Every structure is written in structure tokens, then in C-alpha cells.
PDB file of all heavy atoms in Angstrom:
ATOM      1  N   ILE A   1    -129.913-289.301 -58.814  1.00  0.00           N
ATOM      2  CA  ILE A   1    -128.636-288.930 -59.422  1.00  0.00           C
ATOM      3  C   ILE A   1    -127.654-288.331 -58.446  1.00  0.00           C
ATOM      4  O   ILE A   1    -126.525-288.107 -58.813  1.00  0.00           O
ATOM      5  CB  ILE A   1    -128.880-288.008 -60.629  1.00  0.00           C
ATOM      6  CG1 ILE A   1    -129.533-286.657 -60.196  1.00  0.00           C
ATOM      7  CG2 ILE A   1    -129.667-288.650 -61.719  1.00  0.00           C
ATOM      8  CD1 ILE A   1    -129.817-285.749 -61.356  1.00  0.00           C
ATOM      9  N   GLY A   2    -128.078-288.100 -57.202  1.00  0.00           N
ATOM     10  CA  GLY A   2    -127.178-287.716 -56.127  1.00  0.00           C
ATOM     11  C   GLY A   2    -127.207-286.246 -55.839  1.00  0.00           C
ATOM     12  O   GLY A   2    -127.471-285.830 -54.744  1.00  0.00           O
ATOM     13  N   PHE A   3    -126.893-285.436 -56.842  1.00  0.00           N
ATOM     14  CA  PHE A   3    -126.910-283.982 -56.664  1.00  0.00           C
ATOM     15  C   PHE A   3    -126.937-283.325 -58.017  1.00  0.00           C
ATOM     16  O   PHE A   3    -126.738-283.979 -59.054  1.00  0.00           O
ATOM     17  CB  PHE A   3    -125.639-283.506 -55.889  1.00  0.00           C
ATOM     18  CG  PHE A   3    -124.350-283.855 -56.566  1.00  0.00           C
ATOM     19  CD1 PHE A   3    -123.780-283.067 -57.571  1.00  0.00           C
ATOM     20  CD2 PHE A   3    -123.634-285.031 -56.188  1.00  0.00           C
ATOM     21  CE1 PHE A   3    -122.599-283.388 -58.213  1.00  0.00           C
ATOM     22  CE2 PHE A   3    -122.494-285.320 -56.831  1.00  0.00           C
ATOM     23  CZ  PHE A   3    -121.941-284.535 -57.825  1.00  0.00           C
ATOM     24  N   VAL A   4    -127.190-282.055 -58.056  1.00  0.00           N
ATOM     25  CA  VAL A   4    -127.306-281.288 -59.270  1.00  0.00           C
ATOM     26  C   VAL A   4    -126.413-280.033 -59.141  1.00  0.00           C
ATOM     27  O   VAL A   4    -126.588-279.245 -58.266  1.00  0.00           O
ATOM     28  CB  VAL A   4    -128.779-280.845 -59.568  1.00  0.00           C
ATOM     29  CG1 VAL A   4    -128.811-279.996 -60.843  1.00  0.00           C
ATOM     30  CG2 VAL A   4    -129.638-282.082 -59.763  1.00  0.00           C
ATOM     31  N   GLN A   5    -125.434-279.950 -60.047  1.00  0.00           N
ATOM     32  CA  GLN A   5    -124.524-278.785 -59.975  1.00  0.00           C
ATOM     33  C   GLN A   5    -125.236-277.494 -60.392  1.00  0.00           C
ATOM     34  O   GLN A   5    -126.032-277.461 -61.315  1.00  0.00           O
ATOM     35  CB  GLN A   5    -123.315-279.009 -60.845  1.00  0.00           C
ATOM     36  CG  GLN A   5    -122.286-277.838 -60.742  1.00  0.00           C
ATOM     37  CD  GLN A   5    -121.001-278.146 -61.474  1.00  0.00           C
ATOM     38  OE1 GLN A   5    -120.698-279.299 -61.743  1.00  0.00           O
ATOM     39  NE2 GLN A   5    -120.252-277.096 -61.779  1.00  0.00           N
ATOM     40  N   VAL A   6    -124.928-276.417 -59.650  1.00  0.00           N
ATOM     41  CA  VAL A   6    -125.497-275.123 -59.936  1.00  0.00           C
ATOM     42  C   VAL A   6    -124.460-274.276 -60.677  1.00  0.00           C
ATOM     43  O   VAL A   6    -123.268-274.234 -60.267  1.00  0.00           O
ATOM     44  CB  VAL A   6    -125.898-274.403 -58.614  1.00  0.00           C
ATOM     45  CG1 VAL A   6    -126.452-273.012 -58.873  1.00  0.00           C
ATOM     46  CG2 VAL A   6    -126.893-275.218 -57.841  1.00  0.00           C
ATOM     47  N   ASP A   7    -124.879-273.633 -61.730  1.00  0.00           N
ATOM     48  CA  ASP A   7    -123.927-272.746 -62.432  1.00  0.00           C
ATOM     49  C   ASP A   7    -124.737-271.595 -63.060  1.00  0.00           C
ATOM     50  O   ASP A   7    -125.903-271.702 -63.417  1.00  0.00           O
ATOM     51  CB  ASP A   7    -123.244-273.515 -63.562  1.00  0.00           C
ATOM     52  CG  ASP A   7    -122.050-272.732 -64.083  1.00  0.00           C
ATOM     53  OD1 ASP A   7    -120.993-272.696 -63.439  1.00  0.00           O
ATOM     54  OD2 ASP A   7    -122.170-272.115 -65.163  1.00  0.00           O
ATOM     55  N   SER A   8    -124.042-270.439 -63.143  1.00  0.00           N
ATOM     56  CA  SER A   8    -124.738-269.215 -63.608  1.00  0.00           C
ATOM     57  C   SER A   8    -124.876-269.024 -65.058  1.00  0.00           C
ATOM     58  O   SER A   8    -125.659-268.258 -65.543  1.00  0.00           O
ATOM     59  CB  SER A   8    -123.988-267.987 -63.005  1.00  0.00           C
ATOM     60  OG  SER A   8    -122.637-267.954 -63.516  1.00  0.00           O
ATOM     61  N   ILE A   9    -124.048-269.719 -65.848  1.00  0.00           N
ATOM     62  CA  ILE A   9    -124.085-269.528 -67.308  1.00  0.00           C
ATOM     63  C   ILE A   9    -125.438-269.909 -67.864  1.00  0.00           C
ATOM     64  O   ILE A   9    -125.943-270.945 -67.597  1.00  0.00           O
ATOM     65  CB  ILE A   9    -122.944-270.316 -67.969  1.00  0.00           C
ATOM     66  CG1 ILE A   9    -121.563-269.852 -67.476  1.00  0.00           C
ATOM     67  CG2 ILE A   9    -123.010-270.255 -69.486  1.00  0.00           C
ATOM     68  CD1 ILE A   9    -120.395-270.649 -67.987  1.00  0.00           C
ATOM     69  N   ASN A  10    -125.954-269.002 -68.667  1.00  0.00           N
ATOM     70  CA  ASN A  10    -127.326-269.187 -69.158  1.00  0.00           C
ATOM     71  C   ASN A  10    -127.465-268.954 -70.634  1.00  0.00           C
ATOM     72  O   ASN A  10    -128.359-268.266 -71.146  1.00  0.00           O
ATOM     73  CB  ASN A  10    -128.237-268.199 -68.392  1.00  0.00           C
ATOM     74  CG  ASN A  10    -129.738-268.521 -68.551  1.00  0.00           C
ATOM     75  OD1 ASN A  10    -130.111-269.659 -68.930  1.00  0.00           O
ATOM     76  ND2 ASN A  10    -130.592-267.580 -68.285  1.00  0.00           N
ATOM     77  N   THR A  11    -126.582-269.582 -71.399  1.00  0.00           N
ATOM     78  CA  THR A  11    -126.621-269.432 -72.861  1.00  0.00           C
ATOM     79  C   THR A  11    -127.876-270.069 -73.442  1.00  0.00           C
ATOM     80  O   THR A  11    -128.424-269.579 -74.457  1.00  0.00           O
ATOM     81  CB  THR A  11    -125.388-270.020 -73.547  1.00  0.00           C
ATOM     82  OG1 THR A  11    -125.308-271.423 -73.147  1.00  0.00           O
ATOM     83  CG2 THR A  11    -124.119-269.318 -73.153  1.00  0.00           C
ATOM     84  N   VAL A  12    -128.338-271.155 -72.853  1.00  0.00           N
ATOM     85  CA  VAL A  12    -129.651-271.754 -73.200  1.00  0.00           C
ATOM     86  C   VAL A  12    -130.474-271.925 -71.990  1.00  0.00           C
ATOM     87  O   VAL A  12    -131.608-271.454 -71.898  1.00  0.00           O
ATOM     88  CB  VAL A  12    -129.421-273.175 -73.851  1.00  0.00           C
ATOM     89  CG1 VAL A  12    -130.791-273.833 -74.109  1.00  0.00           C
ATOM     90  CG2 VAL A  12    -128.627-273.014 -75.184  1.00  0.00           C
ATOM     91  N   ALA A  13    -129.969-272.587 -70.938  1.00  0.00           N
ATOM     92  CA  ALA A  13    -130.577-272.705 -69.623  1.00  0.00           C
ATOM     93  C   ALA A  13    -129.453-272.989 -68.658  1.00  0.00           C
ATOM     94  O   ALA A  13    -128.373-273.465 -69.027  1.00  0.00           O
ATOM     95  CB  ALA A  13    -131.590-273.900 -69.600  1.00  0.00           C
ATOM     96  N   ARG A  14    -129.719-272.629 -67.393  1.00  0.00           N
ATOM     97  CA  ARG A  14    -128.678-272.841 -66.400  1.00  0.00           C
ATOM     98  C   ARG A  14    -128.469-274.299 -66.195  1.00  0.00           C
ATOM     99  O   ARG A  14    -129.346-275.136 -66.377  1.00  0.00           O
ATOM    100  CB  ARG A  14    -129.000-272.131 -65.133  1.00  0.00           C
ATOM    101  CG  ARG A  14    -128.936-270.585 -65.294  1.00  0.00           C
ATOM    102  CD  ARG A  14    -128.820-269.891 -63.954  1.00  0.00           C
ATOM    103  NE  ARG A  14    -128.436-268.463 -64.186  1.00  0.00           N
ATOM    104  CZ  ARG A  14    -129.262-267.422 -64.190  1.00  0.00           C
ATOM    105  NH1 ARG A  14    -130.534-267.634 -63.993  1.00  0.00           N
ATOM    106  NH2 ARG A  14    -128.795-266.197 -64.396  1.00  0.00           N
ATOM    107  N   ALA A  15    -127.237-274.700 -65.715  1.00  0.00           N
ATOM    108  CA  ALA A  15    -126.835-276.099 -65.634  1.00  0.00           C
ATOM    109  C   ALA A  15    -127.836-276.952 -64.894  1.00  0.00           C
ATOM    110  O   ALA A  15    -128.218-278.050 -65.322  1.00  0.00           O
ATOM    111  CB  ALA A  15    -125.457-276.225 -65.024  1.00  0.00           C
ATOM    112  N   HIS A  16    -128.272-276.512 -63.692  1.00  0.00           N
ATOM    113  CA  HIS A  16    -129.158-277.301 -62.895  1.00  0.00           C
ATOM    114  C   HIS A  16    -130.516-277.549 -63.570  1.00  0.00           C
ATOM    115  O   HIS A  16    -131.026-278.663 -63.475  1.00  0.00           O
ATOM    116  CB  HIS A  16    -129.365-276.664 -61.518  1.00  0.00           C
ATOM    117  CG  HIS A  16    -129.607-275.205 -61.547  1.00  0.00           C
ATOM    118  ND1 HIS A  16    -128.606-274.324 -61.881  1.00  0.00           N
ATOM    119  CD2 HIS A  16    -130.729-274.443 -61.319  1.00  0.00           C
ATOM    120  CE1 HIS A  16    -129.102-273.103 -61.814  1.00  0.00           C
ATOM    121  NE2 HIS A  16    -130.379-273.147 -61.479  1.00  0.00           N
ATOM    122  N   ASP A  17    -130.961-276.579 -64.264  1.00  0.00           N
ATOM    123  CA  ASP A  17    -132.219-276.763 -65.028  1.00  0.00           C
ATOM    124  C   ASP A  17    -132.037-277.688 -66.241  1.00  0.00           C
ATOM    125  O   ASP A  17    -132.881-278.501 -66.503  1.00  0.00           O
ATOM    126  CB  ASP A  17    -132.779-275.417 -65.491  1.00  0.00           C
ATOM    127  CG  ASP A  17    -133.210-274.512 -64.290  1.00  0.00           C
ATOM    128  OD1 ASP A  17    -133.724-275.079 -63.343  1.00  0.00           O
ATOM    129  OD2 ASP A  17    -133.002-273.309 -64.359  1.00  0.00           O
ATOM    130  N   MET A  18    -130.935-277.526 -66.946  1.00  0.00           N
ATOM    131  CA  MET A  18    -130.638-278.350 -68.087  1.00  0.00           C
ATOM    132  C   MET A  18    -130.476-279.803 -67.683  1.00  0.00           C
ATOM    133  O   MET A  18    -130.972-280.719 -68.385  1.00  0.00           O
ATOM    134  CB  MET A  18    -129.383-277.854 -68.732  1.00  0.00           C
ATOM    135  CG  MET A  18    -129.097-278.466 -70.120  1.00  0.00           C
ATOM    136  SD  MET A  18    -130.010-277.552 -71.415  1.00  0.00           S
ATOM    137  CE  MET A  18    -129.423-278.516 -72.849  1.00  0.00           C
ATOM    138  N   ILE A  19    -129.827-280.070 -66.562  1.00  0.00           N
ATOM    139  CA  ILE A  19    -129.625-281.425 -66.085  1.00  0.00           C
ATOM    140  C   ILE A  19    -130.927-282.124 -65.837  1.00  0.00           C
ATOM    141  O   ILE A  19    -131.177-283.269 -66.217  1.00  0.00           O
ATOM    142  CB  ILE A  19    -128.755-281.400 -64.790  1.00  0.00           C
ATOM    143  CG1 ILE A  19    -127.320-280.966 -65.083  1.00  0.00           C
ATOM    144  CG2 ILE A  19    -128.784-282.764 -64.084  1.00  0.00           C
ATOM    145  CD1 ILE A  19    -126.524-280.591 -63.878  1.00  0.00           C
ATOM    146  N   LEU A  20    -131.842-281.394 -65.216  1.00  0.00           N
ATOM    147  CA  LEU A  20    -133.148-282.016 -64.899  1.00  0.00           C
ATOM    148  C   LEU A  20    -134.027-282.173 -66.163  1.00  0.00           C
ATOM    149  O   LEU A  20    -134.701-283.139 -66.336  1.00  0.00           O
ATOM    150  CB  LEU A  20    -133.829-281.172 -63.830  1.00  0.00           C
ATOM    151  CG  LEU A  20    -133.119-281.189 -62.478  1.00  0.00           C
ATOM    152  CD1 LEU A  20    -133.660-280.150 -61.553  1.00  0.00           C
ATOM    153  CD2 LEU A  20    -133.070-282.569 -61.815  1.00  0.00           C
ATOM    154  N   TRP A  21    -133.993-281.154 -67.025  1.00  0.00           N
ATOM    155  CA  TRP A  21    -134.827-281.203 -68.262  1.00  0.00           C
ATOM    156  C   TRP A  21    -134.358-282.333 -69.150  1.00  0.00           C
ATOM    157  O   TRP A  21    -135.217-282.967 -69.785  1.00  0.00           O
ATOM    158  CB  TRP A  21    -134.682-279.893 -69.002  1.00  0.00           C
ATOM    159  CG  TRP A  21    -135.443-279.877 -70.295  1.00  0.00           C
ATOM    160  CD1 TRP A  21    -136.769-279.637 -70.504  1.00  0.00           C
ATOM    161  CD2 TRP A  21    -134.878-280.170 -71.600  1.00  0.00           C
ATOM    162  NE1 TRP A  21    -137.071-279.770 -71.849  1.00  0.00           N
ATOM    163  CE2 TRP A  21    -135.921-280.038 -72.526  1.00  0.00           C
ATOM    164  CE3 TRP A  21    -133.561-280.455 -72.045  1.00  0.00           C
ATOM    165  CZ2 TRP A  21    -135.698-280.261 -73.888  1.00  0.00           C
ATOM    166  CZ3 TRP A  21    -133.377-280.664 -73.426  1.00  0.00           C
ATOM    167  CH2 TRP A  21    -134.431-280.584 -74.321  1.00  0.00           C
ATOM    168  N   SER A  22    -133.109-282.632 -69.235  1.00  0.00           N
ATOM    169  CA  SER A  22    -132.617-283.672 -70.119  1.00  0.00           C
ATOM    170  C   SER A  22    -133.073-285.057 -69.683  1.00  0.00           C
ATOM    171  O   SER A  22    -133.052-286.024 -70.431  1.00  0.00           O
ATOM    172  CB  SER A  22    -131.121-283.676 -70.247  1.00  0.00           C
ATOM    173  OG  SER A  22    -130.524-283.945 -68.969  1.00  0.00           O
ATOM    174  N   ARG A  23    -133.572-285.191 -68.427  1.00  0.00           N
ATOM    175  CA  ARG A  23    -134.083-286.414 -67.910  1.00  0.00           C
ATOM    176  C   ARG A  23    -135.612-286.475 -67.813  1.00  0.00           C
ATOM    177  O   ARG A  23    -136.176-287.532 -67.844  1.00  0.00           O
ATOM    178  CB  ARG A  23    -133.476-286.661 -66.496  1.00  0.00           C
ATOM    179  CG  ARG A  23    -131.998-286.978 -66.581  1.00  0.00           C
ATOM    180  CD  ARG A  23    -131.323-286.677 -65.244  1.00  0.00           C
ATOM    181  NE  ARG A  23    -129.934-287.214 -65.236  1.00  0.00           N
ATOM    182  CZ  ARG A  23    -128.900-286.601 -65.804  1.00  0.00           C
ATOM    183  NH1 ARG A  23    -129.106-285.417 -66.414  1.00  0.00           N
ATOM    184  NH2 ARG A  23    -127.683-287.110 -65.736  1.00  0.00           N
ATOM    185  N   ARG A  24    -136.208-285.322 -67.644  1.00  0.00           N
ATOM    186  CA  ARG A  24    -137.681-285.228 -67.580  1.00  0.00           C
ATOM    187  C   ARG A  24    -138.104-283.974 -68.245  1.00  0.00           C
ATOM    188  O   ARG A  24    -138.006-282.877 -67.692  1.00  0.00           O
ATOM    189  CB  ARG A  24    -138.133-285.155 -66.053  1.00  0.00           C
ATOM    190  CG  ARG A  24    -137.791-286.389 -65.233  1.00  0.00           C
ATOM    191  CD  ARG A  24    -138.639-287.567 -65.592  1.00  0.00           C
ATOM    192  NE  ARG A  24    -138.364-288.697 -64.641  1.00  0.00           N
ATOM    193  CZ  ARG A  24    -137.366-289.546 -64.788  1.00  0.00           C
ATOM    194  NH1 ARG A  24    -136.569-289.465 -65.807  1.00  0.00           N
ATOM    195  NH2 ARG A  24    -137.186-290.518 -63.891  1.00  0.00           N
ATOM    196  N   GLN A  25    -138.511-284.046 -69.483  1.00  0.00           N
ATOM    197  CA  GLN A  25    -138.710-282.857 -70.279  1.00  0.00           C
ATOM    198  C   GLN A  25    -139.966-282.088 -69.919  1.00  0.00           C
ATOM    199  O   GLN A  25    -140.230-281.049 -70.494  1.00  0.00           O
ATOM    200  CB  GLN A  25    -138.623-283.190 -71.798  1.00  0.00           C
ATOM    201  CG  GLN A  25    -137.182-283.546 -72.114  1.00  0.00           C
ATOM    202  CD  GLN A  25    -136.909-283.591 -73.593  1.00  0.00           C
ATOM    203  OE1 GLN A  25    -137.799-283.468 -74.455  1.00  0.00           O
ATOM    204  NE2 GLN A  25    -135.613-283.764 -74.015  1.00  0.00           N
ATOM    205  N   SER A  26    -140.737-282.629 -68.967  1.00  0.00           N
ATOM    206  CA  SER A  26    -141.846-281.796 -68.449  1.00  0.00           C
ATOM    207  C   SER A  26    -141.382-280.889 -67.340  1.00  0.00           C
ATOM    208  O   SER A  26    -142.149-280.058 -66.860  1.00  0.00           O
ATOM    209  CB  SER A  26    -142.961-282.733 -67.883  1.00  0.00           C
ATOM    210  OG  SER A  26    -142.432-283.518 -66.793  1.00  0.00           O
ATOM    211  N   TYR A  27    -140.079-280.990 -66.996  1.00  0.00           N
ATOM    212  CA  TYR A  27    -139.559-280.129 -65.916  1.00  0.00           C
ATOM    213  C   TYR A  27    -139.567-278.676 -66.263  1.00  0.00           C
ATOM    214  O   TYR A  27    -139.252-278.286 -67.403  1.00  0.00           O
ATOM    215  CB  TYR A  27    -138.082-280.586 -65.623  1.00  0.00           C
ATOM    216  CG  TYR A  27    -137.347-279.533 -64.762  1.00  0.00           C
ATOM    217  CD1 TYR A  27    -137.555-279.495 -63.372  1.00  0.00           C
ATOM    218  CD2 TYR A  27    -136.483-278.645 -65.359  1.00  0.00           C
ATOM    219  CE1 TYR A  27    -136.922-278.513 -62.611  1.00  0.00           C
ATOM    220  CE2 TYR A  27    -135.814-277.694 -64.563  1.00  0.00           C
ATOM    221  CZ  TYR A  27    -136.030-277.626 -63.211  1.00  0.00           C
ATOM    222  OH  TYR A  27    -135.411-276.690 -62.469  1.00  0.00           O
ATOM    223  N   ARG A  28    -139.884-277.840 -65.233  1.00  0.00           N
ATOM    224  CA  ARG A  28    -139.777-276.415 -65.415  1.00  0.00           C
ATOM    225  C   ARG A  28    -139.173-275.860 -64.094  1.00  0.00           C
ATOM    226  O   ARG A  28    -139.487-276.366 -62.988  1.00  0.00           O
ATOM    227  CB  ARG A  28    -141.138-275.785 -65.696  1.00  0.00           C
ATOM    228  CG  ARG A  28    -141.706-276.087 -67.019  1.00  0.00           C
ATOM    229  CD  ARG A  28    -140.831-275.582 -68.158  1.00  0.00           C
ATOM    230  NE  ARG A  28    -141.407-275.933 -69.492  1.00  0.00           N
ATOM    231  CZ  ARG A  28    -141.123-277.015 -70.198  1.00  0.00           C
ATOM    232  NH1 ARG A  28    -140.338-277.976 -69.652  1.00  0.00           N
ATOM    233  NH2 ARG A  28    -141.599-277.198 -71.405  1.00  0.00           N
ATOM    234  N   PRO A  29    -138.321-274.806 -64.169  1.00  0.00           N
ATOM    235  CA  PRO A  29    -137.623-274.309 -62.992  1.00  0.00           C
ATOM    236  C   PRO A  29    -138.455-273.990 -61.763  1.00  0.00           C
ATOM    237  O   PRO A  29    -137.922-274.231 -60.634  1.00  0.00           O
ATOM    238  CB  PRO A  29    -136.916-273.066 -63.515  1.00  0.00           C
ATOM    239  CG  PRO A  29    -136.693-273.372 -64.990  1.00  0.00           C
ATOM    240  CD  PRO A  29    -137.912-274.132 -65.400  1.00  0.00           C
ATOM    241  N   PRO A  30    -139.667-273.508 -61.843  1.00  0.00           N
ATOM    242  CA  PRO A  30    -140.406-273.225 -60.569  1.00  0.00           C
ATOM    243  C   PRO A  30    -140.574-274.477 -59.682  1.00  0.00           C
ATOM    244  O   PRO A  30    -140.726-274.338 -58.484  1.00  0.00           O
ATOM    245  CB  PRO A  30    -141.773-272.701 -61.077  1.00  0.00           C
ATOM    246  CG  PRO A  30    -141.432-272.048 -62.399  1.00  0.00           C
ATOM    247  CD  PRO A  30    -140.406-272.962 -62.978  1.00  0.00           C
ATOM    248  N   ALA A  31    -140.585-275.663 -60.294  1.00  0.00           N
ATOM    249  CA  ALA A  31    -140.736-276.956 -59.515  1.00  0.00           C
ATOM    250  C   ALA A  31    -139.538-277.120 -58.590  1.00  0.00           C
ATOM    251  O   ALA A  31    -139.703-277.531 -57.449  1.00  0.00           O
ATOM    252  CB  ALA A  31    -140.912-278.066 -60.404  1.00  0.00           C
ATOM    253  N   LEU A  32    -138.325-276.815 -59.116  1.00  0.00           N
ATOM    254  CA  LEU A  32    -137.156-276.915 -58.254  1.00  0.00           C
ATOM    255  C   LEU A  32    -137.119-275.816 -57.169  1.00  0.00           C
ATOM    256  O   LEU A  32    -136.775-276.078 -56.037  1.00  0.00           O
ATOM    257  CB  LEU A  32    -135.901-276.802 -59.147  1.00  0.00           C
ATOM    258  CG  LEU A  32    -134.583-276.930 -58.448  1.00  0.00           C
ATOM    259  CD1 LEU A  32    -134.394-278.304 -57.816  1.00  0.00           C
ATOM    260  CD2 LEU A  32    -133.407-276.641 -59.413  1.00  0.00           C
ATOM    261  N   LYS A  33    -137.527-274.651 -57.567  1.00  0.00           N
ATOM    262  CA  LYS A  33    -137.587-273.546 -56.607  1.00  0.00           C
ATOM    263  C   LYS A  33    -138.480-273.834 -55.447  1.00  0.00           C
ATOM    264  O   LYS A  33    -138.146-273.504 -54.286  1.00  0.00           O
ATOM    265  CB  LYS A  33    -138.028-272.268 -57.384  1.00  0.00           C
ATOM    266  CG  LYS A  33    -137.788-270.935 -56.628  1.00  0.00           C
ATOM    267  CD  LYS A  33    -138.155-269.848 -57.498  1.00  0.00           C
ATOM    268  CE  LYS A  33    -137.925-268.474 -56.804  1.00  0.00           C
ATOM    269  NZ  LYS A  33    -136.471-268.159 -56.624  1.00  0.00           N
ATOM    270  N   ARG A  34    -139.572-274.498 -55.738  1.00  0.00           N
ATOM    271  CA  ARG A  34    -140.535-274.869 -54.639  1.00  0.00           C
ATOM    272  C   ARG A  34    -139.850-275.842 -53.625  1.00  0.00           C
ATOM    273  O   ARG A  34    -140.003-275.647 -52.419  1.00  0.00           O
ATOM    274  CB  ARG A  34    -141.800-275.467 -55.232  1.00  0.00           C
ATOM    275  CG  ARG A  34    -142.789-275.830 -54.106  1.00  0.00           C
ATOM    276  CD  ARG A  34    -144.087-276.394 -54.696  1.00  0.00           C
ATOM    277  NE  ARG A  34    -144.988-276.702 -53.539  1.00  0.00           N
ATOM    278  CZ  ARG A  34    -145.820-275.823 -53.006  1.00  0.00           C
ATOM    279  NH1 ARG A  34    -145.870-274.564 -53.454  1.00  0.00           N
ATOM    280  NH2 ARG A  34    -146.589-276.199 -51.997  1.00  0.00           N
ATOM    281  N   LEU A  35    -139.166-276.835 -54.147  1.00  0.00           N
ATOM    282  CA  LEU A  35    -138.509-277.790 -53.259  1.00  0.00           C
ATOM    283  C   LEU A  35    -137.450-277.164 -52.436  1.00  0.00           C
ATOM    284  O   LEU A  35    -137.216-277.533 -51.272  1.00  0.00           O
ATOM    285  CB  LEU A  35    -137.952-278.953 -54.077  1.00  0.00           C
ATOM    286  CG  LEU A  35    -138.952-279.875 -54.842  1.00  0.00           C
ATOM    287  CD1 LEU A  35    -138.215-280.958 -55.556  1.00  0.00           C
ATOM    288  CD2 LEU A  35    -139.972-280.480 -53.848  1.00  0.00           C
ATOM    289  N   LEU A  36    -136.752-276.198 -52.996  1.00  0.00           N
ATOM    290  CA  LEU A  36    -135.679-275.543 -52.308  1.00  0.00           C
ATOM    291  C   LEU A  36    -136.187-274.459 -51.274  1.00  0.00           C
ATOM    292  O   LEU A  36    -135.719-274.420 -50.170  1.00  0.00           O
ATOM    293  CB  LEU A  36    -134.777-274.787 -53.336  1.00  0.00           C
ATOM    294  CG  LEU A  36    -133.785-275.629 -54.107  1.00  0.00           C
ATOM    295  CD1 LEU A  36    -133.278-274.846 -55.326  1.00  0.00           C
ATOM    296  CD2 LEU A  36    -132.582-276.010 -53.196  1.00  0.00           C
ATOM    297  N   GLU A  37    -137.165-273.679 -51.676  1.00  0.00           N
ATOM    298  CA  GLU A  37    -137.482-272.504 -50.921  1.00  0.00           C
ATOM    299  C   GLU A  37    -138.804-272.630 -50.096  1.00  0.00           C
ATOM    300  O   GLU A  37    -138.940-271.877 -49.149  1.00  0.00           O
ATOM    301  CB  GLU A  37    -137.619-271.289 -51.869  1.00  0.00           C
ATOM    302  CG  GLU A  37    -136.327-271.035 -52.600  1.00  0.00           C
ATOM    303  CD  GLU A  37    -136.418-269.883 -53.581  1.00  0.00           C
ATOM    304  OE1 GLU A  37    -137.477-269.191 -53.622  1.00  0.00           O
ATOM    305  OE2 GLU A  37    -135.462-269.689 -54.375  1.00  0.00           O
ATOM    306  N   LYS A  38    -139.675-273.583 -50.429  1.00  0.00           N
ATOM    307  CA  LYS A  38    -140.888-273.768 -49.657  1.00  0.00           C
ATOM    308  C   LYS A  38    -140.877-275.096 -48.913  1.00  0.00           C
ATOM    309  O   LYS A  38    -141.056-275.139 -47.675  1.00  0.00           O
ATOM    310  CB  LYS A  38    -142.071-273.669 -50.550  1.00  0.00           C
ATOM    311  CG  LYS A  38    -142.280-272.202 -51.133  1.00  0.00           C
ATOM    312  CD  LYS A  38    -143.558-272.095 -51.948  1.00  0.00           C
ATOM    313  CE  LYS A  38    -143.731-270.696 -52.479  1.00  0.00           C
ATOM    314  NZ  LYS A  38    -144.960-270.555 -53.269  1.00  0.00           N
ATOM    315  N   ASP A  39    -140.698-276.154 -49.637  1.00  0.00           N
ATOM    316  CA  ASP A  39    -140.748-277.494 -48.988  1.00  0.00           C
ATOM    317  C   ASP A  39    -139.512-277.732 -48.146  1.00  0.00           C
ATOM    318  O   ASP A  39    -139.553-278.492 -47.206  1.00  0.00           O
ATOM    319  CB  ASP A  39    -140.845-278.599 -50.058  1.00  0.00           C
ATOM    320  CG  ASP A  39    -142.186-278.543 -50.806  1.00  0.00           C
ATOM    321  OD1 ASP A  39    -143.022-277.634 -50.490  1.00  0.00           O
ATOM    322  OD2 ASP A  39    -142.340-279.350 -51.734  1.00  0.00           O
ATOM    323  N   ARG A  40    -138.381-277.100 -48.531  1.00  0.00           N
ATOM    324  CA  ARG A  40    -137.091-277.243 -47.842  1.00  0.00           C
ATOM    325  C   ARG A  40    -136.628-278.700 -47.830  1.00  0.00           C
ATOM    326  O   ARG A  40    -135.940-279.135 -46.909  1.00  0.00           O
ATOM    327  CB  ARG A  40    -137.192-276.757 -46.360  1.00  0.00           C
ATOM    328  CG  ARG A  40    -137.554-275.279 -46.222  1.00  0.00           C
ATOM    329  CD  ARG A  40    -136.488-274.394 -46.845  1.00  0.00           C
ATOM    330  NE  ARG A  40    -136.755-273.000 -46.445  1.00  0.00           N
ATOM    331  CZ  ARG A  40    -136.160-271.962 -47.053  1.00  0.00           C
ATOM    332  NH1 ARG A  40    -135.346-272.157 -48.064  1.00  0.00           N
ATOM    333  NH2 ARG A  40    -136.369-270.732 -46.595  1.00  0.00           N
ATOM    334  N   SER A  41    -136.985-279.475 -48.861  1.00  0.00           N
ATOM    335  CA  SER A  41    -136.487-280.848 -48.984  1.00  0.00           C
ATOM    336  C   SER A  41    -135.201-280.920 -49.737  1.00  0.00           C
ATOM    337  O   SER A  41    -134.539-281.941 -49.758  1.00  0.00           O
ATOM    338  CB  SER A  41    -137.526-281.732 -49.677  1.00  0.00           C
ATOM    339  OG  SER A  41    -137.794-281.224 -50.974  1.00  0.00           O
TER     340      SER A  41
END
């Protein structure tokens, strides 16, 4: 999908998490955090 916008509003879930969940409902935020902060991919 190219990129995922980051936004702070959290009325239900933050934008980046909602974008990924709407495509893969097994998604949970720690999986993204790992790619960003540990794998550095």
C-alpha cells in the first residue's frame, strides 16, 4: 500500500493501526512496533 499515515487521534484506534487492521484483522499494534523499533525494516 506504499505507506501508512501516523496520527495521534485515538477515538477508537490510531490511524496507522486502523489502516492495517481494516486489511488484516489479526493485526495488533505490537507487530508494527517490532518492525519499527527492533527489525528496523
